[in-house]
């Protein structure tokens, strides 16, 4: 079982534990999710706001 949590900005993430188990897709629609094979935990974060201004 893993202790680290992977942060993602996407609503759906994938996990294969570097090819150690079948590729699965995990929905983070509720804010978090966990791989059914390796128990890797994922959490959805909002995209960071950019402070960079675009020239017109």
PDB file of N, CA and C in Angstrom:
ATOM      1  N   UNK A   1       0.835  -1.188   0.000  1.00  0.00           N
ATOM      2  CA  UNK A   1       0.000   0.000   0.000  1.00  0.00           C
ATOM      3  C   UNK A   1       0.875   1.246   0.000  1.00  0.00           C
ATOM      4  N   UNK A   2       0.496   2.212  -0.813  1.00  0.00           N
ATOM      5  CA  UNK A   2       1.294   3.424  -0.944  1.00  0.00           C
ATOM      6  C   UNK A   2       0.833   4.502   0.025  1.00  0.00           C
ATOM      7  N   UNK A   3       1.771   5.342   0.403  1.00  0.00           N
ATOM      8  CA  UNK A   3       1.453   6.438   1.313  1.00  0.00           C
ATOM      9  C   UNK A   3       1.376   7.780   0.607  1.00  0.00           C
ATOM     10  N   UNK A   4       1.940   7.871  -0.618  1.00  0.00           N
ATOM     11  CA  UNK A   4       1.948   9.141  -1.315  1.00  0.00           C
ATOM     12  C   UNK A   4       0.632   9.382  -2.046  1.00  0.00           C
ATOM     13  N   UNK A   5       0.289  10.654  -2.214  1.00  0.00           N
ATOM     14  CA  UNK A   5      -0.932  11.050  -2.905  1.00  0.00           C
ATOM     15  C   UNK A   5      -0.518  11.857  -4.127  1.00  0.00           C
ATOM     16  N   UNK A   6      -1.059  11.493  -5.284  1.00  0.00           N
ATOM     17  CA  UNK A   6      -0.745  12.202  -6.514  1.00  0.00           C
ATOM     18  C   UNK A   6      -1.808  13.253  -6.746  1.00  0.00           C
ATOM     19  N   UNK A   7      -1.376  14.499  -6.959  1.00  0.00           N
ATOM     20  CA  UNK A   7      -2.282  15.604  -7.224  1.00  0.00           C
ATOM     21  C   UNK A   7      -2.436  15.752  -8.735  1.00  0.00           C
ATOM     22  N   UNK A   8      -3.663  15.957  -9.186  1.00  0.00           N
ATOM     23  CA  UNK A   8      -3.942  16.095 -10.610  1.00  0.00           C
ATOM     24  C   UNK A   8      -4.979  17.188 -10.833  1.00  0.00           C
ATOM     25  N   UNK A   9      -4.877  17.855 -11.974  1.00  0.00           N
ATOM     26  CA  UNK A   9      -5.869  18.874 -12.319  1.00  0.00           C
ATOM     27  C   UNK A   9      -6.959  18.302 -13.214  1.00  0.00           C
ATOM     28  N   UNK A  10      -6.754  17.103 -13.746  1.00  0.00           N
ATOM     29  CA  UNK A  10      -7.729  16.474 -14.622  1.00  0.00           C
ATOM     30  C   UNK A  10      -8.826  15.771 -13.817  1.00  0.00           C
ATOM     31  N   UNK A  11      -9.973  15.564 -14.473  1.00  0.00           N
ATOM     32  CA  UNK A  11     -11.084  14.875 -13.811  1.00  0.00           C
ATOM     33  C   UNK A  11     -10.919  13.361 -13.878  1.00  0.00           C
ATOM     34  N   UNK A  12     -10.166  12.874 -14.866  1.00  0.00           N
ATOM     35  CA  UNK A  12      -9.922  11.442 -15.009  1.00  0.00           C
ATOM     36  C   UNK A  12      -8.421  11.206 -15.116  1.00  0.00           C
ATOM     37  N   UNK A  13      -7.902  10.284 -14.331  1.00  0.00           N
ATOM     38  CA  UNK A  13      -6.481   9.936 -14.350  1.00  0.00           C
ATOM     39  C   UNK A  13      -6.349   8.444 -14.648  1.00  0.00           C
ATOM     40  N   UNK A  14      -5.137   8.022 -15.015  1.00  0.00           N
ATOM     41  CA  UNK A  14      -4.897   6.604 -15.279  1.00  0.00           C
ATOM     42  C   UNK A  14      -3.792   6.096 -14.369  1.00  0.00           C
ATOM     43  N   UNK A  15      -3.796   4.790 -14.141  1.00  0.00           N
ATOM     44  CA  UNK A  15      -2.785   4.168 -13.296  1.00  0.00           C
ATOM     45  C   UNK A  15      -2.477   2.775 -13.841  1.00  0.00           C
ATOM     46  N   UNK A  16      -1.190   2.441 -13.897  1.00  0.00           N
ATOM     47  CA  UNK A  16      -0.769   1.080 -14.256  1.00  0.00           C
ATOM     48  C   UNK A  16       0.402   0.643 -13.377  1.00  0.00           C
ATOM     49  N   UNK A  17       0.789   1.499 -12.428  1.00  0.00           N
ATOM     50  CA  UNK A  17       1.922   1.216 -11.541  1.00  0.00           C
ATOM     51  C   UNK A  17       3.148   0.809 -12.360  1.00  0.00           C
ATOM     52  N   UNK A  18       3.431   1.634 -13.380  1.00  0.00           N
ATOM     53  CA  UNK A  18       4.571   1.395 -14.283  1.00  0.00           C
ATOM     54  C   UNK A  18       4.517   0.011 -14.922  1.00  0.00           C
ATOM     55  N   UNK A  19       3.334  -0.393 -15.355  1.00  0.00           N
ATOM     56  CA  UNK A  19       3.167  -1.664 -16.035  1.00  0.00           C
ATOM     57  C   UNK A  19       3.013  -2.865 -15.127  1.00  0.00           C
ATOM     58  N   UNK A  20       2.883  -2.647 -13.840  1.00  0.00           N
ATOM     59  CA  UNK A  20       2.769  -3.759 -12.893  1.00  0.00           C
ATOM     60  C   UNK A  20       1.358  -4.333 -12.797  1.00  0.00           C
ATOM     61  N   UNK A  21       0.372  -3.597 -13.306  1.00  0.00           N
ATOM     62  CA  UNK A  21      -1.004  -4.101 -13.331  1.00  0.00           C
ATOM     63  C   UNK A  21      -1.706  -3.515 -14.554  1.00  0.00           C
ATOM     64  N   UNK A  22      -2.888  -4.003 -14.899  1.00  0.00           N
ATOM     65  CA  UNK A  22      -3.608  -3.464 -16.063  1.00  0.00           C
ATOM     66  C   UNK A  22      -3.871  -1.963 -15.916  1.00  0.00           C
ATOM     67  N   UNK A  23      -3.875  -1.258 -17.039  1.00  0.00           N
ATOM     68  CA  UNK A  23      -4.167   0.168 -17.045  1.00  0.00           C
ATOM     69  C   UNK A  23      -5.622   0.392 -16.670  1.00  0.00           C
ATOM     70  N   UNK A  24      -5.838   1.244 -15.679  1.00  0.00           N
ATOM     71  CA  UNK A  24      -7.194   1.582 -15.258  1.00  0.00           C
ATOM     72  C   UNK A  24      -7.338   3.101 -15.254  1.00  0.00           C
ATOM     73  N   UNK A  25      -8.561   3.554 -15.455  1.00  0.00           N
ATOM     74  CA  UNK A  25      -8.873   4.977 -15.415  1.00  0.00           C
ATOM     75  C   UNK A  25      -9.685   5.243 -14.162  1.00  0.00           C
ATOM     76  N   UNK A  26      -9.346   6.325 -13.481  1.00  0.00           N
ATOM     77  CA  UNK A  26      -9.962   6.640 -12.197  1.00  0.00           C
ATOM     78  C   UNK A  26     -10.599   8.021 -12.280  1.00  0.00           C
ATOM     79  N   UNK A  27     -11.867   8.111 -11.954  1.00  0.00           N
ATOM     80  CA  UNK A  27     -12.581   9.379 -11.970  1.00  0.00           C
ATOM     81  C   UNK A  27     -12.309  10.144 -10.678  1.00  0.00           C
ATOM     82  N   UNK A  28     -11.955  11.411 -10.837  1.00  0.00           N
ATOM     83  CA  UNK A  28     -11.751  12.279  -9.674  1.00  0.00           C
ATOM     84  C   UNK A  28     -12.878  13.306  -9.584  1.00  0.00           C
ATOM     85  N   UNK A  29     -14.019  12.966 -10.151  1.00  0.00           N
ATOM     86  CA  UNK A  29     -15.158  13.875 -10.163  1.00  0.00           C
ATOM     87  C   UNK A  29     -15.588  14.262  -8.753  1.00  0.00           C
ATOM     88  N   UNK A  30     -15.447  13.349  -7.820  1.00  0.00           N
ATOM     89  CA  UNK A  30     -15.827  13.633  -6.433  1.00  0.00           C
ATOM     90  C   UNK A  30     -14.704  14.318  -5.656  1.00  0.00           C
ATOM     91  N   UNK A  31     -13.536  14.483  -6.303  1.00  0.00           N
ATOM     92  CA  UNK A  31     -12.421  15.154  -5.643  1.00  0.00           C
ATOM     93  C   UNK A  31     -11.241  14.254  -5.359  1.00  0.00           C
ATOM     94  N   UNK A  32     -11.501  12.946  -5.266  1.00  0.00           N
ATOM     95  CA  UNK A  32     -10.400  12.017  -5.015  1.00  0.00           C
ATOM     96  C   UNK A  32     -10.770  10.631  -5.516  1.00  0.00           C
ATOM     97  N   UNK A  33      -9.759   9.771  -5.613  1.00  0.00           N
ATOM     98  CA  UNK A  33      -9.977   8.404  -6.047  1.00  0.00           C
ATOM     99  C   UNK A  33      -8.783   7.542  -5.692  1.00  0.00           C
ATOM    100  N   UNK A  34      -8.944   6.231  -5.870  1.00  0.00           N
ATOM    101  CA  UNK A  34      -7.894   5.294  -5.497  1.00  0.00           C
ATOM    102  C   UNK A  34      -7.875   4.142  -6.495  1.00  0.00           C
ATOM    103  N   UNK A  35      -6.679   3.693  -6.857  1.00  0.00           N
ATOM    104  CA  UNK A  35      -6.519   2.579  -7.780  1.00  0.00           C
ATOM    105  C   UNK A  35      -6.953   1.289  -7.095  1.00  0.00           C
ATOM    106  N   UNK A  36      -7.755   0.503  -7.798  1.00  0.00           N
ATOM    107  CA  UNK A  36      -8.252  -0.759  -7.229  1.00  0.00           C
ATOM    108  C   UNK A  36      -7.182  -1.834  -7.159  1.00  0.00           C
ATOM    109  N   UNK A  37      -6.096  -1.684  -7.927  1.00  0.00           N
ATOM    110  CA  UNK A  37      -5.037  -2.695  -7.929  1.00  0.00           C
ATOM    111  C   UNK A  37      -3.919  -2.392  -6.928  1.00  0.00           C
ATOM    112  N   UNK A  38      -3.375  -1.159  -6.983  1.00  0.00           N
ATOM    113  CA  UNK A  38      -2.197  -0.857  -6.162  1.00  0.00           C
ATOM    114  C   UNK A  38      -2.486   0.112  -5.013  1.00  0.00           C
ATOM    115  N   UNK A  39      -3.724   0.562  -4.893  1.00  0.00           N
ATOM    116  CA  UNK A  39      -4.156   1.466  -3.819  1.00  0.00           C
ATOM    117  C   UNK A  39      -3.530   2.853  -3.890  1.00  0.00           C
ATOM    118  N   UNK A  40      -2.972   3.216  -5.050  1.00  0.00           N
ATOM    119  CA  UNK A  40      -2.439   4.573  -5.229  1.00  0.00           C
ATOM    120  C   UNK A  40      -3.587   5.560  -5.080  1.00  0.00           C
ATOM    121  N   UNK A  41      -3.371   6.616  -4.309  1.00  0.00           N
ATOM    122  CA  UNK A  41      -4.410   7.617  -4.084  1.00  0.00           C
ATOM    123  C   UNK A  41      -4.154   8.828  -4.979  1.00  0.00           C
ATOM    124  N   UNK A  42      -5.252   9.401  -5.479  1.00  0.00           N
ATOM    125  CA  UNK A  42      -5.213  10.576  -6.331  1.00  0.00           C
ATOM    126  C   UNK A  42      -6.176  11.602  -5.765  1.00  0.00           C
ATOM    127  N   UNK A  43      -5.818  12.876  -5.892  1.00  0.00           N
ATOM    128  CA  UNK A  43      -6.689  13.955  -5.452  1.00  0.00           C
ATOM    129  C   UNK A  43      -6.704  15.023  -6.543  1.00  0.00           C
ATOM    130  N   UNK A  44      -7.885  15.563  -6.795  1.00  0.00           N
ATOM    131  CA  UNK A  44      -8.030  16.600  -7.818  1.00  0.00           C
ATOM    132  C   UNK A  44      -7.852  17.972  -7.184  1.00  0.00           C
ATOM    133  N   UNK A  45      -7.009  18.779  -7.833  1.00  0.00           N
ATOM    134  CA  UNK A  45      -6.796  20.157  -7.381  1.00  0.00           C
ATOM    135  C   UNK A  45      -7.215  21.091  -8.498  1.00  0.00           C
ATOM    136  N   UNK A  46      -7.558  22.301  -8.149  1.00  0.00           N
ATOM    137  CA  UNK A  46      -7.919  23.268  -9.172  1.00  0.00           C
ATOM    138  C   UNK A  46      -6.658  23.763  -9.860  1.00  0.00           C
ATOM    139  N   UNK A  47      -6.815  24.187 -11.094  1.00  0.00           N
ATOM    140  CA  UNK A  47      -5.670  24.678 -11.858  1.00  0.00           C
ATOM    141  C   UNK A  47      -5.192  25.982 -11.235  1.00  0.00           C
ATOM    142  N   UNK A  48      -3.884  26.127 -11.078  1.00  0.00           N
ATOM    143  CA  UNK A  48      -3.367  27.365 -10.510  1.00  0.00           C
ATOM    144  C   UNK A  48      -3.629  28.546 -11.454  1.00  0.00           C
ATOM    145  N   UNK A  49      -3.988  29.650 -10.885  1.00  0.00           N
ATOM    146  CA  UNK A  49      -4.220  30.862 -11.670  1.00  0.00           C
ATOM    147  C   UNK A  49      -2.886  31.410 -12.155  1.00  0.00           C
ATOM    148  N   UNK A  50      -2.861  31.833 -13.408  1.00  0.00           N
ATOM    149  CA  UNK A  50      -1.643  32.432 -13.924  1.00  0.00           C
ATOM    150  C   UNK A  50      -1.705  33.929 -13.736  1.00  0.00           C
ATOM    151  N   UNK A  51      -0.605  34.504 -13.330  1.00  0.00           N
ATOM    152  CA  UNK A  51      -0.548  35.952 -13.131  1.00  0.00           C
ATOM    153  C   UNK A  51       0.104  36.643 -14.310  1.00  0.00           C
ATOM    154  N   UNK A  52       0.478  35.852 -15.305  1.00  0.00           N
ATOM    155  CA  UNK A  52       1.122  36.393 -16.485  1.00  0.00           C
ATOM    156  C   UNK A  52       0.091  37.092 -17.364  1.00  0.00           C
ATOM    157  N   UNK A  53       0.409  38.316 -17.800  1.00  0.00           N
ATOM    158  CA  UNK A  53      -0.495  39.072 -18.648  1.00  0.00           C
ATOM    159  C   UNK A  53      -0.107  38.889 -20.096  1.00  0.00           C
ATOM    160  N   UNK A  54      -1.114  38.806 -20.945  1.00  0.00           N
ATOM    161  CA  UNK A  54      -0.882  38.633 -22.367  1.00  0.00           C
ATOM    162  C   UNK A  54      -0.951  39.995 -23.043  1.00  0.00           C
ATOM    163  N   UNK A  55       0.062  40.293 -23.852  1.00  0.00           N
ATOM    164  CA  UNK A  55       0.087  41.573 -24.557  1.00  0.00           C
ATOM    165  C   UNK A  55      -0.972  41.583 -25.657  1.00  0.00           C
ATOM    166  N   UNK A  56      -1.636  42.708 -25.798  1.00  0.00           N
ATOM    167  CA  UNK A  56      -2.686  42.835 -26.819  1.00  0.00           C
ATOM    168  C   UNK A  56      -2.139  43.350 -28.119  1.00  0.00           C
TER     169      UNK A  56
END
